[in-house]
C-alpha cells in the first residue's frame, strides 16, 4: 500500500522500501531532477515555523520517514514499515543500486570534515561508488551559481545532500529548475557518520530530539 501521512504539516509517503525503490529507480530514468527527501525528527522540528518551505516540500516527488518515530507519530503500526525504516532498508537498497549501475554521484555537505567522513563511509561500504564531486554548502555564503555549474558540468546522475534543515530543503527549492541531475536525495545531517556508532548523531542527542518531537506531537493532538 502506498499512502500519505501528515506529520507536523509535512506529507510523508507511507510505503514499503520496495515501493519507494521502484519509484526512485523510475525517477533515475526521467528528467528534470526529481526530489526525494528523508524526513528526520530533527529536520521536521527545524522547519516547524517555515510555512512556505513546508508547502514547497509537499510538492517533492517522494518524502520518506527517516526515523520510525515519525511513523509512530502518525499512528502507523505496520511492523514491516517500522522495521524497514529503523533498518534504513531503502537507503541501503538505493546505495547498492547506485554502485551496481555505475551512477555518477555528487556529495553536498557543510564542512570538509563531514565531507571526508561521508566519503570514507561510502567507500568503505560501497567501494567503487563513483563520487565525482563534493562541495560545501553554507547558509552564509550562498554561491549557488558556481555550485550548480560544477554539478551540471560533471554530468551527475544523483546528488546526495547531507545538510541540516532548512538549508538542505531551501537549496533544492531554489535550484531545482537549474540542475541537470536525475535525482536529488536529501539525506539530512543524520547520514553523516559520527565516528563512534556509525551513522547518525550520538544517543543522548537523539533522545533529546525525539523527546521534544513527541512533546510537540502530543500538544498538537490535544489541540
Protein backbone atom coordinates (compact mmCIF):
# COMPACT_ATOMS: atom_id res chain seq x y z
CA UNK A 1 0.00 0.00 0.00
CA UNK A 2 1.19 3.49 -0.87
CA UNK A 3 -0.44 6.33 1.07
CA UNK A 4 0.31 9.70 2.62
CA UNK A 5 0.56 10.60 6.28
CA UNK A 6 0.89 14.12 7.70
CA UNK A 7 3.42 14.86 10.42
CA UNK A 8 3.90 18.48 11.54
CA UNK A 9 2.18 19.59 8.32
CA UNK A 10 4.54 17.65 6.05
CA UNK A 11 3.08 15.00 3.76
CA UNK A 12 5.11 11.80 4.04
CA UNK A 13 4.80 8.77 1.78
CA UNK A 14 3.90 5.74 3.86
CA UNK A 15 5.20 2.98 1.63
CA UNK A 16 7.48 -0.04 1.76
CA UNK A 17 11.17 0.14 0.90
CA UNK A 18 10.47 -1.89 -2.25
CA UNK A 19 7.77 0.53 -3.39
CA UNK A 20 10.00 3.54 -2.64
CA UNK A 21 12.86 1.91 -4.51
CA UNK A 22 10.70 1.22 -7.57
CA UNK A 23 9.63 4.85 -7.78
CA UNK A 24 13.16 6.14 -7.24
CA UNK A 25 14.60 3.96 -9.99
CA UNK A 26 11.91 5.31 -12.31
CA UNK A 27 13.00 8.84 -11.38
CA UNK A 28 16.56 7.96 -12.36
CA UNK A 29 15.37 7.49 -15.93
CA UNK A 30 13.48 10.76 -16.26
CA UNK A 31 14.16 14.50 -16.47
CA UNK A 32 14.18 17.07 -14.95
CA UNK A 33 15.55 16.41 -11.46
CA UNK A 34 13.23 14.55 -9.09
CA UNK A 35 13.38 15.27 -5.37
CA UNK A 36 13.47 12.51 -2.74
CA UNK A 37 13.70 13.61 0.89
CA UNK A 38 14.42 11.55 4.00
CA UNK A 39 12.39 13.29 6.70
CA UNK A 40 14.08 13.23 10.11
CA UNK A 41 12.90 14.15 13.59
CA UNK A 42 15.38 17.00 13.84
CA UNK A 43 14.63 18.18 10.33
CA UNK A 44 10.89 18.39 10.92
CA UNK A 45 11.45 20.35 14.12
CA UNK A 46 13.83 22.80 12.40
CA UNK A 47 11.27 23.75 9.73
CA UNK A 48 8.34 23.93 12.13
CA UNK A 49 7.88 27.68 11.57
CA UNK A 50 8.73 27.67 7.85
CA UNK A 51 5.26 27.77 6.32
CA UNK A 52 6.27 28.45 2.71
CA UNK A 53 9.01 25.84 2.80
CA UNK A 54 6.54 23.26 4.12
CA UNK A 55 4.31 23.98 1.15
CA UNK A 56 7.25 23.51 -1.19
CA UNK A 57 8.17 20.22 0.48
CA UNK A 58 4.68 18.89 -0.04
CA UNK A 59 5.48 19.20 -3.75
CA UNK A 60 8.57 16.97 -3.52
CA UNK A 61 8.30 13.76 -5.53
CA UNK A 62 8.88 11.42 -2.60
CA UNK A 63 9.20 12.14 1.11
CA UNK A 64 10.11 9.15 3.27
CA UNK A 65 10.34 8.76 7.03
CA UNK A 66 13.96 8.53 8.09
CA UNK A 67 13.04 7.54 11.64
CA UNK A 68 10.33 5.20 12.88
CA UNK A 69 9.34 7.85 15.48
CA UNK A 70 7.87 9.81 12.56
CA UNK A 71 5.67 6.88 11.55
CA UNK A 72 4.65 6.31 15.16
CA UNK A 73 3.66 9.99 15.44
CA UNK A 74 1.12 9.34 12.68
CA UNK A 75 -0.09 6.16 14.45
CA UNK A 76 1.40 3.85 11.82
CA UNK A 77 1.51 0.35 13.29
CA UNK A 78 2.57 -1.73 10.28
CA UNK A 79 5.50 -3.73 11.64
CA UNK A 80 7.12 -4.10 8.21
CA UNK A 81 7.21 -0.35 7.60
CA UNK A 82 8.53 0.35 11.10
CA UNK A 83 11.28 -2.26 10.84
CA UNK A 84 12.33 -1.15 7.35
CA UNK A 85 12.53 2.47 8.47
CA UNK A 86 14.57 1.62 11.55
CA UNK A 87 16.93 -0.50 9.46
CA UNK A 88 17.30 2.11 6.71
CA UNK A 89 16.40 -0.58 4.17
CA UNK A 90 15.51 1.83 1.37
CA UNK A 91 18.81 3.72 1.65
CA UNK A 92 20.81 0.51 1.63
CA UNK A 93 18.94 -0.71 -1.45
CA UNK A 94 19.40 2.58 -3.27
CA UNK A 95 23.12 2.82 -2.49
CA UNK A 96 23.61 -0.69 -3.87
CA UNK A 97 21.69 0.34 -6.98
CA UNK A 98 23.95 3.38 -7.49
CA UNK A 99 27.03 1.20 -7.06
CA UNK A 100 25.88 -1.67 -9.28
CA UNK A 101 24.78 0.62 -12.11
CA UNK A 102 27.87 2.86 -12.01
CA UNK A 103 25.89 6.05 -11.39
CA UNK A 104 27.77 9.32 -11.00
CA UNK A 105 27.33 10.85 -7.53
CA UNK A 106 27.87 14.36 -6.19
CA UNK A 107 28.00 14.97 -2.43
CA UNK A 108 26.84 18.13 -0.64
CA UNK A 109 27.99 18.69 2.94
CA UNK A 110 28.61 21.60 5.31
CA UNK A 111 32.28 21.11 6.17
CA UNK A 112 35.42 19.40 4.88
CA UNK A 113 35.40 17.12 7.93
CA UNK A 114 31.85 15.97 7.28
CA UNK A 115 32.65 15.51 3.61
CA UNK A 116 35.60 13.28 4.43
CA UNK A 117 33.56 11.22 6.88
CA UNK A 118 30.76 10.70 4.37
CA UNK A 119 33.15 9.91 1.52
CA UNK A 120 35.07 7.41 3.67
CA UNK A 121 31.84 5.76 4.78
CA UNK A 122 30.59 5.34 1.21
CA UNK A 123 33.94 3.98 0.05
CA UNK A 124 34.04 1.56 2.97
CA UNK A 125 30.56 0.13 2.48
CA UNK A 126 30.10 0.70 -1.26
CA UNK A 127 33.65 0.53 -2.57
CA UNK A 128 33.88 1.78 -6.13
CA UNK A 129 30.88 4.10 -5.90
CA UNK A 130 31.55 6.87 -8.43
CA UNK A 131 31.73 10.03 -6.31
CA UNK A 132 32.76 12.59 -8.93
CA UNK A 133 32.39 15.73 -6.83
CA UNK A 134 31.98 17.08 -3.31
CA UNK A 135 31.18 20.61 -2.19
CA UNK A 136 30.32 22.60 0.91
CA UNK A 137 27.02 24.44 1.20
CA UNK A 138 26.74 27.36 3.59
CA UNK A 139 23.75 29.41 4.69
CA UNK A 140 26.06 32.42 4.97
CA UNK A 141 27.74 32.08 1.56
CA UNK A 142 25.13 31.01 -0.96
CA UNK A 143 27.31 30.63 -4.04
CA UNK A 144 24.64 28.65 -5.83
CA UNK A 145 25.69 29.56 -9.41
CA UNK A 146 29.21 28.16 -9.10
CA UNK A 147 28.00 25.01 -7.38
CA UNK A 148 25.21 24.36 -9.87
CA UNK A 149 27.65 24.82 -12.74
CA UNK A 150 30.08 22.35 -11.17
CA UNK A 151 27.34 19.75 -10.66
CA UNK A 152 25.99 20.14 -14.19
CA UNK A 153 29.49 20.01 -15.65
CA UNK A 154 30.05 16.62 -14.05
CA UNK A 155 27.08 15.00 -15.81
CA UNK A 156 25.79 13.84 -12.44
CA UNK A 157 23.12 11.18 -12.06
CA UNK A 158 22.39 11.71 -8.37
CA UNK A 159 23.07 14.43 -5.82
CA UNK A 160 23.36 13.20 -2.22
CA UNK A 161 22.79 16.09 0.19
CA UNK A 162 23.75 15.58 3.84
CA UNK A 163 22.81 19.03 5.14
CA UNK A 164 20.89 20.37 8.11
CA UNK A 165 17.35 21.66 7.74
CA UNK A 166 16.22 24.08 6.41
CA UNK A 167 19.48 24.63 4.47
CA UNK A 168 19.04 21.36 2.58
CA UNK A 169 15.45 21.94 1.52
CA UNK A 170 15.94 25.61 0.69
CA UNK A 171 18.86 24.79 -1.61
CA UNK A 172 16.95 22.34 -3.79
CA UNK A 173 13.84 24.56 -3.89
CA UNK A 174 15.98 27.45 -5.17
CA UNK A 175 17.88 25.40 -7.72
CA UNK A 176 15.54 22.65 -8.88
CA UNK A 177 15.00 24.20 -12.30
CA UNK A 178 18.74 24.73 -12.84
CA UNK A 179 20.11 21.27 -12.05
CA UNK A 180 20.68 18.68 -14.79
CA UNK A 181 20.97 15.69 -12.42
CA UNK A 182 18.31 12.98 -12.50
CA UNK A 183 17.76 12.75 -8.74
CA UNK A 184 18.25 14.77 -5.58
CA UNK A 185 18.32 12.68 -2.41
CA UNK A 186 18.12 14.78 0.75
CA UNK A 187 19.67 12.65 3.49
CA UNK A 188 19.97 15.18 6.30
CA UNK A 189 22.83 15.55 8.76
CA UNK A 190 21.86 12.24 10.32
CA UNK A 191 23.59 10.39 7.50
CA UNK A 192 26.99 11.79 8.44
CA UNK A 193 28.89 9.09 10.40
CA UNK A 194 29.54 10.14 14.00
CA UNK A 195 32.85 8.28 14.16
CA UNK A 196 31.79 6.03 17.01
CA UNK A 197 28.50 4.31 16.37
CA UNK A 198 28.28 4.52 12.57
CA UNK A 199 25.67 6.77 11.02
CA UNK A 200 23.88 9.49 12.93
CA UNK A 201 24.22 11.70 16.00
CA UNK A 202 25.00 10.40 19.47
CA UNK A 203 22.39 8.61 21.52
CA UNK A 204 21.96 11.44 24.03
CA UNK A 205 21.24 13.97 21.29
CA UNK A 206 18.86 11.53 19.61
CA UNK A 207 17.00 11.05 22.89
CA UNK A 208 16.59 14.80 23.41
CA UNK A 209 15.42 15.39 19.84
CA UNK A 210 12.86 12.59 19.99
CA UNK A 211 11.62 13.75 23.40
CA UNK A 212 10.97 17.27 22.05
CA UNK A 213 9.38 15.84 18.92
CA UNK A 214 6.99 13.64 20.89
CA UNK A 215 6.02 16.55 23.14
CA UNK A 216 5.17 18.64 20.07
CA UNK A 217 3.11 15.80 18.56
CA UNK A 218 1.23 15.30 21.85
CA UNK A 219 0.49 19.04 22.10
CA UNK A 220 -0.95 19.06 18.59
CA UNK A 221 -3.11 16.04 19.27
CA UNK A 222 -4.52 17.69 22.39
CA UNK A 223 -5.36 20.81 20.45
